[in-house]
Amino acid sequence: MRTRHNADMNAVTVEPETEMALGESFDDYLEDFEAKLSPQGKVLQALLAAQYDLASQALSLRKAGKLTQSQLAERAGVNQSDISRLERGNANLTLASLNRISRVLGMRVGFVPLARASRLTSARAASS
């Protein structure tokens, strides 16, 4: 049970339905959450993680190259809105568009083994 103060500085007691034990990390919470997912939920989580990885890489590479979304789009021959959607994880770009963007960023599109992909995601999260 916790006590917090509202806007009028009155003490309010808060009892959350579930609470993480003191000292647990977000990674521990996430691991527990993922363990409880249904098989369909695990597939969806993997797809979302892949979208996040691509979005995160695109954003990091663009910023490392000191490019604006508009500059990257112009050099790659795509719309700026495509870059924005890519960086938000909402893109459904063609392979040709991804190849053009990746070349401007000094990369190439390819398949990454799942074990390596999860290590990359963990490493990126740790460095954020």
Protein backbone atom coordinates (compact mmCIF):
# COMPACT_ATOMS: atom_id res chain seq x y z
CA MET A 1 0.00 0.00 0.00
CA ARG A 2 1.31 3.45 -0.89
CA THR A 3 0.37 6.95 0.10
CA ARG A 4 0.42 9.68 -2.49
CA HIS A 5 -0.75 13.28 -2.50
CA ASN A 6 -3.38 14.70 -4.83
CA ALA A 7 -3.36 18.20 -6.33
CA ASP A 8 -4.71 19.68 -3.06
CA MET A 9 -1.86 17.99 -1.15
CA ASN A 10 -4.30 15.66 0.64
CA ALA A 11 -2.92 12.20 1.37
CA VAL A 12 -4.49 9.51 -0.77
CA THR A 13 -3.90 5.80 -0.18
CA VAL A 14 -3.35 3.81 -3.35
CA GLU A 15 -3.57 0.02 -3.54
CA PRO A 16 -2.64 -1.23 -7.03
CA GLU A 17 -4.15 -4.53 -8.21
CA THR A 18 -0.71 -5.97 -8.79
CA GLU A 19 2.59 -4.51 -7.89
CA MET A 20 6.12 -5.43 -8.88
CA ALA A 21 8.27 -6.46 -5.95
CA LEU A 22 10.75 -3.84 -4.91
CA GLY A 23 14.04 -4.37 -6.66
CA GLU A 24 12.65 -6.07 -9.77
CA SER A 25 13.78 -4.58 -13.03
CA PHE A 26 11.68 -3.80 -16.06
CA ASP A 27 13.46 -6.66 -17.84
CA ASP A 28 12.24 -9.04 -15.12
CA TYR A 29 8.71 -7.71 -15.50
CA LEU A 30 8.89 -8.03 -19.28
CA GLU A 31 10.23 -11.58 -19.06
CA ASP A 32 7.37 -12.55 -16.75
CA PHE A 33 4.83 -10.85 -19.03
CA GLU A 34 6.18 -12.60 -22.14
CA ALA A 35 6.14 -15.98 -20.38
CA LYS A 36 2.39 -15.58 -19.85
CA LEU A 37 1.63 -14.85 -23.50
CA SER A 38 -0.39 -17.31 -25.56
CA PRO A 39 1.31 -18.80 -28.64
CA GLN A 40 -0.54 -16.27 -30.81
CA GLY A 41 0.52 -13.48 -28.46
CA LYS A 42 4.15 -14.59 -28.74
CA VAL A 43 3.98 -14.40 -32.54
CA LEU A 44 2.48 -10.91 -32.35
CA GLN A 45 5.11 -9.83 -29.83
CA ALA A 46 7.90 -11.08 -32.13
CA LEU A 47 6.43 -9.15 -35.07
CA LEU A 48 6.20 -5.98 -33.01
CA ALA A 49 9.78 -6.43 -31.79
CA ALA A 50 10.95 -6.75 -35.41
CA GLN A 51 9.11 -3.55 -36.34
CA TYR A 52 10.66 -1.77 -33.35
CA ASP A 53 14.14 -2.99 -34.33
CA LEU A 54 13.80 -1.71 -37.88
CA ALA A 55 12.36 1.61 -36.73
CA SER A 56 15.08 2.04 -34.12
CA GLN A 57 17.85 1.22 -36.57
CA ALA A 58 16.49 3.58 -39.22
CA LEU A 59 16.21 6.46 -36.77
CA SER A 60 19.67 5.86 -35.24
CA LEU A 61 21.36 5.57 -38.63
CA ARG A 62 19.66 8.69 -39.99
CA LYS A 63 20.66 10.72 -36.94
CA ALA A 64 24.23 9.34 -37.03
CA GLY A 65 24.42 10.52 -40.64
CA LYS A 66 23.15 13.95 -39.55
CA LEU A 67 20.27 13.75 -42.03
CA THR A 68 16.76 15.09 -41.66
CA GLN A 69 13.86 12.90 -42.72
CA SER A 70 13.43 15.14 -45.77
CA GLN A 71 17.09 14.84 -46.76
CA LEU A 72 17.04 11.06 -46.42
CA ALA A 73 13.81 10.83 -48.40
CA GLU A 74 15.17 13.02 -51.19
CA ARG A 75 18.42 11.05 -51.47
CA ALA A 76 16.56 7.72 -51.41
CA GLY A 77 13.84 8.81 -53.83
CA VAL A 78 10.96 8.19 -51.42
CA ASN A 79 8.45 10.43 -49.68
CA GLN A 80 9.32 12.02 -46.33
CA SER A 81 6.13 10.45 -44.93
CA ASP A 82 7.61 7.03 -45.75
CA ILE A 83 10.64 7.83 -43.59
CA SER A 84 8.40 9.07 -40.78
CA ARG A 85 6.26 5.91 -40.87
CA LEU A 86 9.38 3.74 -41.00
CA GLU A 87 10.82 5.43 -37.91
CA ARG A 88 7.52 5.05 -36.03
CA GLY A 89 7.22 1.37 -36.94
CA ASN A 90 4.11 1.98 -39.04
CA ALA A 91 5.66 1.46 -42.47
CA ASN A 92 4.62 -1.07 -45.06
CA LEU A 93 7.31 -0.17 -47.57
CA THR A 94 8.25 -2.12 -50.64
CA LEU A 95 11.54 -3.98 -50.68
CA ALA A 96 12.73 -1.58 -53.39
CA SER A 97 12.05 1.42 -51.11
CA LEU A 98 13.79 -0.26 -48.17
CA ASN A 99 16.79 -1.00 -50.38
CA ARG A 100 17.02 2.63 -51.54
CA ILE A 101 16.79 3.93 -47.96
CA SER A 102 19.30 1.40 -46.65
CA ARG A 103 21.86 2.27 -49.37
CA VAL A 104 21.70 5.96 -48.43
CA LEU A 105 22.31 4.92 -44.81
CA GLY A 106 25.28 2.76 -45.83
CA MET A 107 23.48 -0.50 -45.07
CA ARG A 108 21.75 -3.30 -46.92
CA VAL A 109 18.51 -5.14 -46.29
CA GLY A 110 18.84 -8.77 -45.24
CA PHE A 111 17.63 -11.54 -42.98
CA VAL A 112 18.96 -11.69 -39.42
CA PRO A 113 18.79 -14.95 -37.42
CA LEU A 114 16.27 -14.72 -34.56
CA ALA A 115 18.88 -15.39 -31.86
CA ARG A 116 21.05 -12.55 -33.17
CA ALA A 117 18.05 -10.26 -33.53
CA SER A 118 17.05 -10.72 -29.89
CA ARG A 119 20.63 -9.99 -28.77
CA LEU A 120 20.62 -6.79 -30.86
CA THR A 121 17.31 -5.71 -29.32
CA SER A 122 18.62 -6.36 -25.80
CA ALA A 123 21.86 -4.49 -26.50
CA ARG A 124 19.97 -1.50 -27.95
CA ALA A 125 17.61 -1.38 -24.98
CA ALA A 126 20.56 -1.46 -22.57
CA SER A 127 22.29 1.43 -24.34
CA SER A 128 19.16 3.66 -24.35
